[in-house]
């Protein structure tokens, strides 16, 4: 394969802790206040078991997810407040807006994210950075989450180009490794400044 054939033509970003900050413990701390539990136990049940993966892959509806959490911790919490708490774990990463805006001038941008309906609807309404993306590949819509094969295969189907021409940027090394197994060029995100240096080194900045 020559250089032209392998040149980056599409840039795909992860969402959490790449484009927006995520602190899962924020939700857990809020819920723990009204339960007889701790934030660590809430985290273990919601994020370390089967619950979040079921919601993230669309096998569980938002209402089912909500009801299971309330039943597990034996609490009463109106849905609107639950949704606010569930979405409270996000905060902006303003330094990444410059990167996205600049890259969008030269490349189509895709988003590839393990996420769920409540989270993505909130992000789309509140974070304008997403307006620069032409395609959203979301785990709850495609029924597969990183590092499973299905979500990367969906990316390749939507991109309609050789995997070597796609750059994928994610903060989690296992997800980067899984993308590389599909032939996709993939980098681990560590900071905005490091990403800009890497982009410049590859002639993309």
C-alpha atoms as a PDB file:
ATOM      1  CA  UNK A   1       0.000   0.000   0.000  1.00  0.00           C
ATOM      2  CA  UNK A   2       1.478   3.358  -0.961  1.00  0.00           C
ATOM      3  CA  UNK A   3       1.387   6.510   1.161  1.00  0.00           C
ATOM      4  CA  UNK A   4      -1.597   8.002  -0.671  1.00  0.00           C
ATOM      5  CA  UNK A   5      -3.664   4.862  -0.151  1.00  0.00           C
ATOM      6  CA  UNK A   6      -2.967   4.819   3.602  1.00  0.00           C
ATOM      7  CA  UNK A   7      -3.339   8.590   4.185  1.00  0.00           C
ATOM      8  CA  UNK A   8      -5.873   9.552   6.841  1.00  0.00           C
ATOM      9  CA  UNK A   9      -9.176  10.591   5.253  1.00  0.00           C
ATOM     10  CA  UNK A  10     -11.537  10.313   8.247  1.00  0.00           C
ATOM     11  CA  UNK A  11     -11.043  11.077  11.941  1.00  0.00           C
ATOM     12  CA  UNK A  12     -13.181   9.327  14.540  1.00  0.00           C
ATOM     13  CA  UNK A  13     -13.348  10.394  18.174  1.00  0.00           C
ATOM     14  CA  UNK A  14     -14.474   8.715  21.352  1.00  0.00           C
ATOM     15  CA  UNK A  15     -16.713  10.918  23.509  1.00  0.00           C
ATOM     16  CA  UNK A  16     -16.075  10.478  27.235  1.00  0.00           C
ATOM     17  CA  UNK A  17     -12.809  11.940  28.573  1.00  0.00           C
ATOM     18  CA  UNK A  18     -11.818  12.846  25.030  1.00  0.00           C
ATOM     19  CA  UNK A  19     -14.417  15.454  24.010  1.00  0.00           C
ATOM     20  CA  UNK A  20     -16.190  15.890  27.359  1.00  0.00           C
ATOM     21  CA  UNK A  21     -15.047  15.017  30.875  1.00  0.00           C
ATOM     22  CA  UNK A  22     -16.786  12.162  32.642  1.00  0.00           C
ATOM     23  CA  UNK A  23     -16.849  11.467  36.381  1.00  0.00           C
ATOM     24  CA  UNK A  24     -19.005   8.412  37.010  1.00  0.00           C
ATOM     25  CA  UNK A  25     -18.654   8.860  40.749  1.00  0.00           C
ATOM     26  CA  UNK A  26     -20.648  12.113  40.580  1.00  0.00           C
ATOM     27  CA  UNK A  27     -23.826  10.140  39.911  1.00  0.00           C
ATOM     28  CA  UNK A  28     -22.855   7.524  42.488  1.00  0.00           C
ATOM     29  CA  UNK A  29     -22.263  10.106  45.215  1.00  0.00           C
ATOM     30  CA  UNK A  30     -25.637  11.718  44.604  1.00  0.00           C
ATOM     31  CA  UNK A  31     -27.514   8.428  44.708  1.00  0.00           C
ATOM     32  CA  UNK A  32     -25.629   7.224  47.780  1.00  0.00           C
ATOM     33  CA  UNK A  33     -26.879  10.219  49.785  1.00  0.00           C
ATOM     34  CA  UNK A  34     -30.472   8.938  49.663  1.00  0.00           C
ATOM     35  CA  UNK A  35     -29.657   5.247  50.074  1.00  0.00           C
ATOM     36  CA  UNK A  36     -28.228   3.094  52.812  1.00  0.00           C
ATOM     37  CA  UNK A  37     -25.238   2.460  50.564  1.00  0.00           C
ATOM     38  CA  UNK A  38     -21.950   4.069  49.569  1.00  0.00           C
ATOM     39  CA  UNK A  39     -20.853   5.683  46.319  1.00  0.00           C
ATOM     40  CA  UNK A  40     -18.456   2.778  45.780  1.00  0.00           C
ATOM     41  CA  UNK A  41     -21.266   0.215  46.103  1.00  0.00           C
ATOM     42  CA  UNK A  42     -23.454   2.205  43.717  1.00  0.00           C
ATOM     43  CA  UNK A  43     -20.578   2.323  41.224  1.00  0.00           C
ATOM     44  CA  UNK A  44     -19.984  -1.409  41.529  1.00  0.00           C
ATOM     45  CA  UNK A  45     -23.628  -2.263  40.843  1.00  0.00           C
ATOM     46  CA  UNK A  46     -24.234   0.230  38.027  1.00  0.00           C
ATOM     47  CA  UNK A  47     -20.911   0.227  36.180  1.00  0.00           C
ATOM     48  CA  UNK A  48     -19.096  -3.002  37.046  1.00  0.00           C
ATOM     49  CA  UNK A  49     -21.947  -5.451  36.513  1.00  0.00           C
ATOM     50  CA  UNK A  50     -24.329  -6.171  33.660  1.00  0.00           C
ATOM     51  CA  UNK A  51     -26.530  -3.107  34.162  1.00  0.00           C
ATOM     52  CA  UNK A  52     -24.718  -0.373  32.250  1.00  0.00           C
ATOM     53  CA  UNK A  53     -23.641  -2.702  29.395  1.00  0.00           C
ATOM     54  CA  UNK A  54     -27.281  -3.731  28.982  1.00  0.00           C
ATOM     55  CA  UNK A  55     -28.365  -0.106  28.791  1.00  0.00           C
ATOM     56  CA  UNK A  56     -25.433   0.930  26.600  1.00  0.00           C
ATOM     57  CA  UNK A  57     -26.228  -1.732  24.012  1.00  0.00           C
ATOM     58  CA  UNK A  58     -29.957  -1.017  23.844  1.00  0.00           C
ATOM     59  CA  UNK A  59     -30.976  -4.337  25.413  1.00  0.00           C
ATOM     60  CA  UNK A  60     -32.544  -2.350  28.258  1.00  0.00           C
ATOM     61  CA  UNK A  61     -34.780   0.706  27.911  1.00  0.00           C
ATOM     62  CA  UNK A  62     -34.270   3.909  29.863  1.00  0.00           C
ATOM     63  CA  UNK A  63     -37.288   3.134  32.040  1.00  0.00           C
ATOM     64  CA  UNK A  64     -36.052  -0.394  32.755  1.00  0.00           C
ATOM     65  CA  UNK A  65     -32.629   0.968  33.702  1.00  0.00           C
ATOM     66  CA  UNK A  66     -34.212   3.568  35.999  1.00  0.00           C
ATOM     67  CA  UNK A  67     -36.520   1.055  37.686  1.00  0.00           C
ATOM     68  CA  UNK A  68     -33.757  -1.495  38.264  1.00  0.00           C
ATOM     69  CA  UNK A  69     -31.546   1.032  40.033  1.00  0.00           C
ATOM     70  CA  UNK A  70     -34.387   2.186  42.284  1.00  0.00           C
ATOM     71  CA  UNK A  71     -35.343  -1.402  43.092  1.00  0.00           C
ATOM     72  CA  UNK A  72     -31.747  -2.398  43.858  1.00  0.00           C
ATOM     73  CA  UNK A  73     -31.224   0.451  46.335  1.00  0.00           C
ATOM     74  CA  UNK A  74     -34.824   0.520  47.604  1.00  0.00           C
ATOM     75  CA  UNK A  75     -35.328   4.240  47.035  1.00  0.00           C
ATOM     76  CA  UNK A  76     -38.033   6.462  45.620  1.00  0.00           C
ATOM     77  CA  UNK A  77     -36.758   9.070  43.181  1.00  0.00           C
ATOM     78  CA  UNK A  78     -38.786  10.847  40.524  1.00  0.00           C
ATOM     79  CA  UNK A  79     -37.553  10.216  37.010  1.00  0.00           C
ATOM     80  CA  UNK A  80     -36.698  13.843  36.158  1.00  0.00           C
ATOM     81  CA  UNK A  81     -34.357  14.100  39.130  1.00  0.00           C
ATOM     82  CA  UNK A  82     -32.847  10.699  38.340  1.00  0.00           C
ATOM     83  CA  UNK A  83     -32.157  11.867  34.783  1.00  0.00           C
ATOM     84  CA  UNK A  84     -30.494  15.072  36.040  1.00  0.00           C
ATOM     85  CA  UNK A  85     -28.285  13.063  38.376  1.00  0.00           C
ATOM     86  CA  UNK A  86     -27.472  10.521  35.664  1.00  0.00           C
ATOM     87  CA  UNK A  87     -26.355  13.365  33.392  1.00  0.00           C
ATOM     88  CA  UNK A  88     -24.480  15.259  36.128  1.00  0.00           C
ATOM     89  CA  UNK A  89     -21.305  13.308  35.498  1.00  0.00           C
ATOM     90  CA  UNK A  90     -20.374  15.361  32.404  1.00  0.00           C
ATOM     91  CA  UNK A  91     -18.379  18.591  32.232  1.00  0.00           C
ATOM     92  CA  UNK A  92     -16.865  20.519  29.299  1.00  0.00           C
ATOM     93  CA  UNK A  93     -13.367  20.169  27.851  1.00  0.00           C
ATOM     94  CA  UNK A  94     -13.093  23.608  26.174  1.00  0.00           C
ATOM     95  CA  UNK A  95      -9.547  22.946  24.968  1.00  0.00           C
ATOM     96  CA  UNK A  96     -10.847  20.179  22.699  1.00  0.00           C
ATOM     97  CA  UNK A  97     -13.255  22.479  20.892  1.00  0.00           C
ATOM     98  CA  UNK A  98     -10.336  24.181  19.122  1.00  0.00           C
ATOM     99  CA  UNK A  99      -9.023  20.804  17.974  1.00  0.00           C
ATOM    100  CA  UNK A 100     -12.390  19.637  16.643  1.00  0.00           C
ATOM    101  CA  UNK A 101     -13.175  22.915  14.880  1.00  0.00           C
ATOM    102  CA  UNK A 102      -9.793  22.944  13.147  1.00  0.00           C
ATOM    103  CA  UNK A 103      -9.899  19.281  12.110  1.00  0.00           C
ATOM    104  CA  UNK A 104     -13.466  19.632  10.830  1.00  0.00           C
ATOM    105  CA  UNK A 105     -12.210  22.105   8.221  1.00  0.00           C
ATOM    106  CA  UNK A 106     -10.174  19.390   6.545  1.00  0.00           C
ATOM    107  CA  UNK A 107     -11.676  16.037   7.460  1.00  0.00           C
ATOM    108  CA  UNK A 108     -15.060  14.432   8.036  1.00  0.00           C
ATOM    109  CA  UNK A 109     -15.442  13.652  11.734  1.00  0.00           C
ATOM    110  CA  UNK A 110     -17.239  10.620  13.175  1.00  0.00           C
ATOM    111  CA  UNK A 111     -18.120   9.915  16.798  1.00  0.00           C
ATOM    112  CA  UNK A 112     -17.798   6.348  18.126  1.00  0.00           C
ATOM    113  CA  UNK A 113     -19.067   6.025  21.671  1.00  0.00           C
ATOM    114  CA  UNK A 114     -20.203   3.588  24.332  1.00  0.00           C
ATOM    115  CA  UNK A 115     -23.240   5.519  25.498  1.00  0.00           C
ATOM    116  CA  UNK A 116     -26.962   5.358  26.197  1.00  0.00           C
ATOM    117  CA  UNK A 117     -30.088   7.277  25.252  1.00  0.00           C
ATOM    118  CA  UNK A 118     -30.234   9.592  28.280  1.00  0.00           C
ATOM    119  CA  UNK A 119     -26.570  10.499  28.109  1.00  0.00           C
ATOM    120  CA  UNK A 120     -26.399  11.112  24.383  1.00  0.00           C
ATOM    121  CA  UNK A 121     -29.595  13.163  24.223  1.00  0.00           C
ATOM    122  CA  UNK A 122     -28.233  15.352  27.017  1.00  0.00           C
ATOM    123  CA  UNK A 123     -24.813  15.743  25.366  1.00  0.00           C
ATOM    124  CA  UNK A 124     -26.358  16.582  22.009  1.00  0.00           C
ATOM    125  CA  UNK A 125     -28.534  19.281  23.575  1.00  0.00           C
ATOM    126  CA  UNK A 126     -25.842  20.826  25.769  1.00  0.00           C
ATOM    127  CA  UNK A 127     -22.488  20.426  24.015  1.00  0.00           C
ATOM    128  CA  UNK A 128     -22.156  22.276  20.725  1.00  0.00           C
ATOM    129  CA  UNK A 129     -18.916  20.464  19.930  1.00  0.00           C
ATOM    130  CA  UNK A 130     -21.022  17.668  18.429  1.00  0.00           C
ATOM    131  CA  UNK A 131     -22.325  19.897  15.630  1.00  0.00           C
ATOM    132  CA  UNK A 132     -18.993  19.392  13.855  1.00  0.00           C
ATOM    133  CA  UNK A 133     -19.551  15.621  13.490  1.00  0.00           C
ATOM    134  CA  UNK A 134     -21.199  14.127  10.427  1.00  0.00           C
ATOM    135  CA  UNK A 135     -21.862  10.629  11.780  1.00  0.00           C
ATOM    136  CA  UNK A 136     -22.635   9.212  15.225  1.00  0.00           C
ATOM    137  CA  UNK A 137     -21.921   5.535  15.858  1.00  0.00           C
ATOM    138  CA  UNK A 138     -23.470   4.885  19.257  1.00  0.00           C
ATOM    139  CA  UNK A 139     -23.432   1.621  21.158  1.00  0.00           C
ATOM    140  CA  UNK A 140     -27.076   1.779  22.202  1.00  0.00           C
ATOM    141  CA  UNK A 141     -28.161   2.255  18.585  1.00  0.00           C
ATOM    142  CA  UNK A 142     -25.945  -0.385  16.965  1.00  0.00           C
ATOM    143  CA  UNK A 143     -26.266  -3.002  19.733  1.00  0.00           C
ATOM    144  CA  UNK A 144     -22.540  -3.363  20.333  1.00  0.00           C
ATOM    145  CA  UNK A 145     -20.027  -1.594  22.555  1.00  0.00           C
ATOM    146  CA  UNK A 146     -16.262  -1.242  22.514  1.00  0.00           C
ATOM    147  CA  UNK A 147     -14.183  -3.383  22.482  1.00  0.00           C
ATOM    148  CA  UNK A 148     -16.648  -5.748  20.751  1.00  0.00           C
ATOM    149  CA  UNK A 149     -16.176  -6.331  17.028  1.00  0.00           C
ATOM    150  CA  UNK A 150     -19.641  -5.148  16.039  1.00  0.00           C
ATOM    151  CA  UNK A 151     -19.213  -1.453  16.772  1.00  0.00           C
ATOM    152  CA  UNK A 152     -15.947  -1.256  14.801  1.00  0.00           C
ATOM    153  CA  UNK A 153     -17.513  -3.164  11.912  1.00  0.00           C
ATOM    154  CA  UNK A 154     -20.325  -0.616  11.913  1.00  0.00           C
ATOM    155  CA  UNK A 155     -17.748   2.182  11.701  1.00  0.00           C
ATOM    156  CA  UNK A 156     -16.159   0.534   8.671  1.00  0.00           C
ATOM    157  CA  UNK A 157     -19.546   0.101   6.994  1.00  0.00           C
ATOM    158  CA  UNK A 158     -20.425   3.755   7.517  1.00  0.00           C
ATOM    159  CA  UNK A 159     -16.999   5.041   6.499  1.00  0.00           C
ATOM    160  CA  UNK A 160     -16.974   3.135   3.187  1.00  0.00           C
ATOM    161  CA  UNK A 161     -13.185   3.319   2.931  1.00  0.00           C
ATOM    162  CA  UNK A 162     -10.158   1.217   3.763  1.00  0.00           C
ATOM    163  CA  UNK A 163      -9.629   0.931   7.530  1.00  0.00           C
ATOM    164  CA  UNK A 164      -6.079   2.262   7.123  1.00  0.00           C
ATOM    165  CA  UNK A 165      -7.559   5.608   6.086  1.00  0.00           C
ATOM    166  CA  UNK A 166      -9.464   5.980   9.375  1.00  0.00           C
ATOM    167  CA  UNK A 167      -7.906   7.470  12.505  1.00  0.00           C
ATOM    168  CA  UNK A 168      -9.618   6.579  15.798  1.00  0.00           C
ATOM    169  CA  UNK A 169      -8.829   8.450  19.035  1.00  0.00           C
ATOM    170  CA  UNK A 170      -9.875   6.973  22.408  1.00  0.00           C
ATOM    171  CA  UNK A 171      -8.618   7.337  25.982  1.00  0.00           C
ATOM    172  CA  UNK A 172      -8.903   3.614  26.778  1.00  0.00           C
ATOM    173  CA  UNK A 173      -6.021   1.502  25.508  1.00  0.00           C
ATOM    174  CA  UNK A 174      -8.078  -1.733  25.128  1.00  0.00           C
ATOM    175  CA  UNK A 175     -10.456   0.132  22.813  1.00  0.00           C
ATOM    176  CA  UNK A 176      -7.516   1.481  20.813  1.00  0.00           C
ATOM    177  CA  UNK A 177      -6.075  -2.028  20.545  1.00  0.00           C
ATOM    178  CA  UNK A 178      -9.416  -3.436  19.365  1.00  0.00           C
ATOM    179  CA  UNK A 179      -9.630  -0.784  16.626  1.00  0.00           C
ATOM    180  CA  UNK A 180      -6.122  -1.680  15.453  1.00  0.00           C
ATOM    181  CA  UNK A 181      -7.178  -5.325  15.168  1.00  0.00           C
ATOM    182  CA  UNK A 182      -9.637  -4.145  12.515  1.00  0.00           C
ATOM    183  CA  UNK A 183      -6.870  -2.380  10.587  1.00  0.00           C
ATOM    184  CA  UNK A 184      -7.881   1.089  11.813  1.00  0.00           C
ATOM    185  CA  UNK A 185      -5.161   3.572  12.720  1.00  0.00           C
ATOM    186  CA  UNK A 186      -5.782   4.283  16.407  1.00  0.00           C
ATOM    187  CA  UNK A 187      -4.174   6.479  19.050  1.00  0.00           C
ATOM    188  CA  UNK A 188      -4.640   6.644  22.793  1.00  0.00           C
ATOM    189  CA  UNK A 189      -5.763  10.076  23.980  1.00  0.00           C
ATOM    190  CA  UNK A 190      -3.881  11.353  27.037  1.00  0.00           C
ATOM    191  CA  UNK A 191      -4.238  15.132  26.769  1.00  0.00           C
ATOM    192  CA  UNK A 192      -5.209  17.824  24.314  1.00  0.00           C
ATOM    193  CA  UNK A 193      -1.633  19.079  23.997  1.00  0.00           C
ATOM    194  CA  UNK A 194      -0.267  15.590  23.367  1.00  0.00           C
ATOM    195  CA  UNK A 195      -2.931  15.019  20.720  1.00  0.00           C
ATOM    196  CA  UNK A 196      -2.061  18.253  18.920  1.00  0.00           C
ATOM    197  CA  UNK A 197       1.621  17.272  18.883  1.00  0.00           C
ATOM    198  CA  UNK A 198       0.757  13.848  17.483  1.00  0.00           C
ATOM    199  CA  UNK A 199      -1.510  15.364  14.829  1.00  0.00           C
ATOM    200  CA  UNK A 200       1.261  17.756  13.811  1.00  0.00           C
ATOM    201  CA  UNK A 201       3.817  14.947  13.604  1.00  0.00           C
ATOM    202  CA  UNK A 202       1.525  13.127  11.157  1.00  0.00           C
ATOM    203  CA  UNK A 203       0.798  16.213   9.043  1.00  0.00           C
ATOM    204  CA  UNK A 204      -2.821  16.454  10.203  1.00  0.00           C
ATOM    205  CA  UNK A 205      -2.606  19.700  12.200  1.00  0.00           C
END
